[in-house]
N, C-alpha and C. Protein backbone atom coordinates (compact mmCIF):
# COMPACT_ATOMS: atom_id res chain seq x y z
N UNK A 1 -139.14 78.08 275.89
CA UNK A 1 -140.55 78.33 275.68
C UNK A 1 -140.86 79.82 275.72
N UNK A 2 -140.17 80.51 276.62
CA UNK A 2 -140.39 81.94 276.74
C UNK A 2 -139.91 82.66 275.48
N UNK A 3 -138.79 82.19 274.92
CA UNK A 3 -138.26 82.78 273.69
C UNK A 3 -139.23 82.54 272.55
N UNK A 4 -139.83 81.35 272.52
CA UNK A 4 -140.80 81.02 271.48
C UNK A 4 -141.99 81.97 271.54
N UNK A 5 -142.49 82.26 272.75
CA UNK A 5 -143.62 83.17 272.89
C UNK A 5 -143.25 84.58 272.45
N UNK A 6 -142.04 85.00 272.78
CA UNK A 6 -141.59 86.33 272.37
C UNK A 6 -141.47 86.41 270.85
N UNK A 7 -140.91 85.36 270.25
CA UNK A 7 -140.79 85.33 268.79
C UNK A 7 -142.16 85.29 268.13
N UNK A 8 -143.07 84.50 268.71
CA UNK A 8 -144.42 84.43 268.18
C UNK A 8 -145.11 85.79 268.27
N UNK A 9 -144.94 86.45 269.40
CA UNK A 9 -145.52 87.77 269.60
C UNK A 9 -144.95 88.76 268.57
N UNK A 10 -143.64 88.73 268.36
CA UNK A 10 -143.01 89.61 267.37
C UNK A 10 -143.51 89.31 265.97
N UNK A 11 -143.65 88.01 265.66
CA UNK A 11 -144.15 87.62 264.35
C UNK A 11 -145.58 88.11 264.13
N UNK A 12 -146.44 87.92 265.11
CA UNK A 12 -147.82 88.37 264.99
C UNK A 12 -147.91 89.89 264.87
N UNK A 13 -147.12 90.58 265.66
CA UNK A 13 -147.11 92.04 265.60
C UNK A 13 -146.66 92.53 264.22
N UNK A 14 -145.62 91.87 263.70
CA UNK A 14 -145.13 92.23 262.37
C UNK A 14 -146.17 91.92 261.31
N UNK A 15 -146.82 90.77 261.42
CA UNK A 15 -147.84 90.38 260.44
C UNK A 15 -149.00 91.36 260.45
N UNK A 16 -149.46 91.74 261.63
CA UNK A 16 -150.58 92.69 261.72
C UNK A 16 -150.18 94.06 261.18
N UNK A 17 -148.96 94.48 261.46
CA UNK A 17 -148.54 95.80 260.98
C UNK A 17 -148.43 95.80 259.45
N UNK A 18 -147.91 94.69 258.87
CA UNK A 18 -147.87 94.60 257.41
C UNK A 18 -149.27 94.55 256.83
N UNK A 19 -150.16 93.82 257.49
CA UNK A 19 -151.54 93.75 257.02
C UNK A 19 -152.22 95.10 257.06
N UNK A 20 -151.99 95.85 258.14
CA UNK A 20 -152.58 97.18 258.25
C UNK A 20 -151.99 98.12 257.20
N UNK A 21 -150.69 98.01 256.98
CA UNK A 21 -150.05 98.86 255.97
C UNK A 21 -150.60 98.53 254.58
N UNK A 22 -150.78 97.25 254.32
CA UNK A 22 -151.34 96.85 253.02
C UNK A 22 -152.76 97.36 252.87
N UNK A 23 -153.54 97.29 253.93
CA UNK A 23 -154.91 97.78 253.88
C UNK A 23 -154.94 99.28 253.62
N UNK A 24 -154.05 100.02 254.27
CA UNK A 24 -153.97 101.46 254.05
C UNK A 24 -153.58 101.75 252.61
N UNK A 25 -152.64 100.98 252.08
CA UNK A 25 -152.19 101.19 250.70
C UNK A 25 -153.33 100.91 249.72
N UNK A 26 -154.08 99.85 249.96
CA UNK A 26 -155.21 99.52 249.09
C UNK A 26 -156.27 100.61 249.15
N UNK A 27 -156.56 101.10 250.35
CA UNK A 27 -157.54 102.18 250.48
C UNK A 27 -157.07 103.45 249.78
N UNK A 28 -155.79 103.74 249.88
CA UNK A 28 -155.24 104.92 249.21
C UNK A 28 -155.34 104.77 247.69
N UNK A 29 -155.04 103.57 247.19
CA UNK A 29 -155.16 103.33 245.75
C UNK A 29 -156.60 103.44 245.31
N UNK A 30 -157.52 102.92 246.11
CA UNK A 30 -158.93 103.00 245.78
C UNK A 30 -159.38 104.45 245.70
N UNK A 31 -158.95 105.25 246.66
CA UNK A 31 -159.28 106.67 246.65
C UNK A 31 -158.69 107.36 245.42
N UNK A 32 -157.46 107.01 245.08
CA UNK A 32 -156.82 107.60 243.90
C UNK A 32 -157.58 107.23 242.63
N UNK A 33 -157.99 105.98 242.54
CA UNK A 33 -158.72 105.53 241.36
C UNK A 33 -160.06 106.23 241.26
N UNK A 34 -160.76 106.37 242.38
CA UNK A 34 -162.04 107.07 242.35
C UNK A 34 -161.87 108.54 241.97
N UNK A 35 -160.82 109.16 242.46
CA UNK A 35 -160.54 110.56 242.09
C UNK A 35 -160.21 110.66 240.61
N UNK A 36 -159.40 109.74 240.12
CA UNK A 36 -159.05 109.72 238.70
C UNK A 36 -160.29 109.51 237.84
N UNK A 37 -161.17 108.60 238.27
CA UNK A 37 -162.40 108.33 237.53
C UNK A 37 -163.28 109.58 237.48
N UNK A 38 -163.41 110.27 238.61
CA UNK A 38 -164.22 111.49 238.65
C UNK A 38 -163.62 112.57 237.74
N UNK A 39 -162.30 112.67 237.74
CA UNK A 39 -161.64 113.66 236.88
C UNK A 39 -161.87 113.35 235.41
N UNK A 40 -161.74 112.07 235.05
CA UNK A 40 -161.96 111.71 233.65
C UNK A 40 -163.41 111.91 233.25
N UNK A 41 -164.34 111.67 234.16
CA UNK A 41 -165.75 111.92 233.86
C UNK A 41 -165.98 113.41 233.60
N UNK A 42 -165.39 114.27 234.42
CA UNK A 42 -165.52 115.71 234.21
C UNK A 42 -164.92 116.13 232.87
N UNK A 43 -163.77 115.58 232.55
CA UNK A 43 -163.13 115.92 231.28
C UNK A 43 -163.98 115.43 230.11
N UNK A 44 -164.55 114.23 230.23
CA UNK A 44 -165.42 113.72 229.18
C UNK A 44 -166.64 114.60 229.00
N UNK A 45 -167.21 115.08 230.10
CA UNK A 45 -168.36 115.97 230.01
C UNK A 45 -167.99 117.28 229.33
N UNK A 46 -166.81 117.82 229.66
CA UNK A 46 -166.36 119.06 229.02
C UNK A 46 -166.13 118.84 227.53
N UNK A 47 -165.54 117.72 227.17
CA UNK A 47 -165.31 117.42 225.76
C UNK A 47 -166.64 117.28 225.03
N UNK A 48 -167.60 116.62 225.67
CA UNK A 48 -168.91 116.44 225.06
C UNK A 48 -169.60 117.79 224.84
N UNK A 49 -169.51 118.68 225.83
CA UNK A 49 -170.09 120.02 225.67
C UNK A 49 -169.43 120.76 224.52
N UNK A 50 -168.10 120.65 224.44
CA UNK A 50 -167.36 121.32 223.37
C UNK A 50 -167.78 120.76 222.01
N UNK A 51 -167.90 119.44 221.91
CA UNK A 51 -168.30 118.83 220.64
C UNK A 51 -169.71 119.23 220.25
N UNK A 52 -170.61 119.30 221.24
CA UNK A 52 -171.97 119.74 220.94
C UNK A 52 -171.98 121.18 220.43
N UNK A 53 -171.14 122.02 221.03
CA UNK A 53 -171.03 123.41 220.57
C UNK A 53 -170.49 123.45 219.15
N UNK A 54 -169.48 122.64 218.87
CA UNK A 54 -168.92 122.59 217.52
C UNK A 54 -169.96 122.10 216.52
N UNK A 55 -170.78 121.13 216.92
CA UNK A 55 -171.83 120.64 216.02
C UNK A 55 -172.82 121.75 215.72
N UNK A 56 -173.17 122.54 216.74
CA UNK A 56 -174.10 123.66 216.52
C UNK A 56 -173.49 124.69 215.57
N UNK A 57 -172.20 124.98 215.75
CA UNK A 57 -171.53 125.94 214.87
C UNK A 57 -171.53 125.42 213.44
N UNK A 58 -171.22 124.14 213.27
CA UNK A 58 -171.23 123.56 211.92
C UNK A 58 -172.62 123.60 211.31
N UNK A 59 -173.64 123.34 212.12
CA UNK A 59 -175.01 123.39 211.62
C UNK A 59 -175.37 124.80 211.17
N UNK A 60 -174.97 125.80 211.96
CA UNK A 60 -175.23 127.19 211.58
C UNK A 60 -174.47 127.54 210.30
N UNK A 61 -173.25 127.05 210.17
CA UNK A 61 -172.48 127.30 208.94
C UNK A 61 -173.17 126.66 207.74
N UNK A 62 -173.67 125.43 207.91
CA UNK A 62 -174.37 124.76 206.82
C UNK A 62 -175.62 125.53 206.43
N UNK A 63 -176.35 126.03 207.44
CA UNK A 63 -177.55 126.83 207.15
C UNK A 63 -177.18 128.08 206.37
N UNK A 64 -176.09 128.74 206.80
CA UNK A 64 -175.64 129.94 206.10
C UNK A 64 -175.25 129.65 204.66
N UNK A 65 -174.55 128.56 204.45
CA UNK A 65 -174.15 128.18 203.09
C UNK A 65 -175.38 127.87 202.25
N UNK A 66 -176.33 127.15 202.83
CA UNK A 66 -177.56 126.81 202.11
C UNK A 66 -178.32 128.07 201.73
N UNK A 67 -178.44 129.02 202.67
CA UNK A 67 -179.15 130.27 202.38
C UNK A 67 -178.42 131.08 201.31
N UNK A 68 -177.10 131.09 201.35
CA UNK A 68 -176.33 131.80 200.33
C UNK A 68 -176.54 131.17 198.96
N UNK A 69 -176.57 129.85 198.90
CA UNK A 69 -176.82 129.17 197.63
C UNK A 69 -178.21 129.50 197.11
N UNK A 70 -179.20 129.50 198.01
CA UNK A 70 -180.56 129.84 197.59
C UNK A 70 -180.63 131.27 197.06
N UNK A 71 -179.97 132.19 197.75
CA UNK A 71 -179.96 133.59 197.32
C UNK A 71 -179.32 133.71 195.94
N UNK A 72 -178.20 133.02 195.75
CA UNK A 72 -177.53 133.06 194.45
C UNK A 72 -178.41 132.47 193.36
N UNK A 73 -179.10 131.41 193.70
CA UNK A 73 -180.01 130.78 192.73
C UNK A 73 -181.14 131.74 192.35
N UNK A 74 -181.69 132.43 193.35
CA UNK A 74 -182.75 133.41 193.08
C UNK A 74 -182.23 134.57 192.24
N UNK A 75 -181.02 135.03 192.53
CA UNK A 75 -180.42 136.11 191.72
C UNK A 75 -180.23 135.66 190.28
N UNK A 76 -179.73 134.43 190.10
CA UNK A 76 -179.55 133.92 188.74
C UNK A 76 -180.89 133.80 188.02
N UNK A 77 -181.90 133.33 188.73
CA UNK A 77 -183.23 133.22 188.13
C UNK A 77 -183.78 134.58 187.74
N UNK A 78 -183.60 135.58 188.62
CA UNK A 78 -184.11 136.92 188.30
C UNK A 78 -183.36 137.51 187.12
N UNK A 79 -182.04 137.29 187.05
CA UNK A 79 -181.27 137.76 185.89
C UNK A 79 -181.73 137.07 184.61
N UNK A 80 -181.98 135.79 184.72
CA UNK A 80 -182.45 135.04 183.55
C UNK A 80 -183.80 135.58 183.09
N UNK A 81 -184.69 135.87 184.04
CA UNK A 81 -186.01 136.41 183.70
C UNK A 81 -185.86 137.79 183.05
N UNK A 82 -184.98 138.63 183.58
CA UNK A 82 -184.75 139.96 183.00
C UNK A 82 -184.23 139.85 181.58
N UNK A 83 -183.29 138.93 181.37
CA UNK A 83 -182.71 138.77 180.03
C UNK A 83 -183.77 138.28 179.06
N UNK A 84 -184.58 137.33 179.47
CA UNK A 84 -185.62 136.82 178.57
C UNK A 84 -186.70 137.86 178.32
N UNK A 85 -186.98 138.74 179.28
CA UNK A 85 -187.98 139.79 179.08
C UNK A 85 -187.46 140.88 178.15
N UNK A 86 -186.17 141.11 178.15
CA UNK A 86 -185.59 142.13 177.28
C UNK A 86 -185.59 141.70 175.83
N UNK A 87 -185.58 140.40 175.58
CA UNK A 87 -185.55 139.91 174.20
C UNK A 87 -186.88 140.11 173.62
């Protein structure tokens, strides 16, 4: 009977230690996942800022191209008017 109690005590001690170790492992994984999630959120925010900047640059380029086309159109019109006035 005494051996049974000792074995039971050893079994319970082992079970609790494994349970505590598992709990620590789960908490560590949870912390790792939360850290990973925060890191990915920061990276997503940086990518979004970069894409917004690129969109602004593209918009400015489109405006520049549009203004250049308008200027060329006006130059062509003025040349056409000069040619027709000379005739």
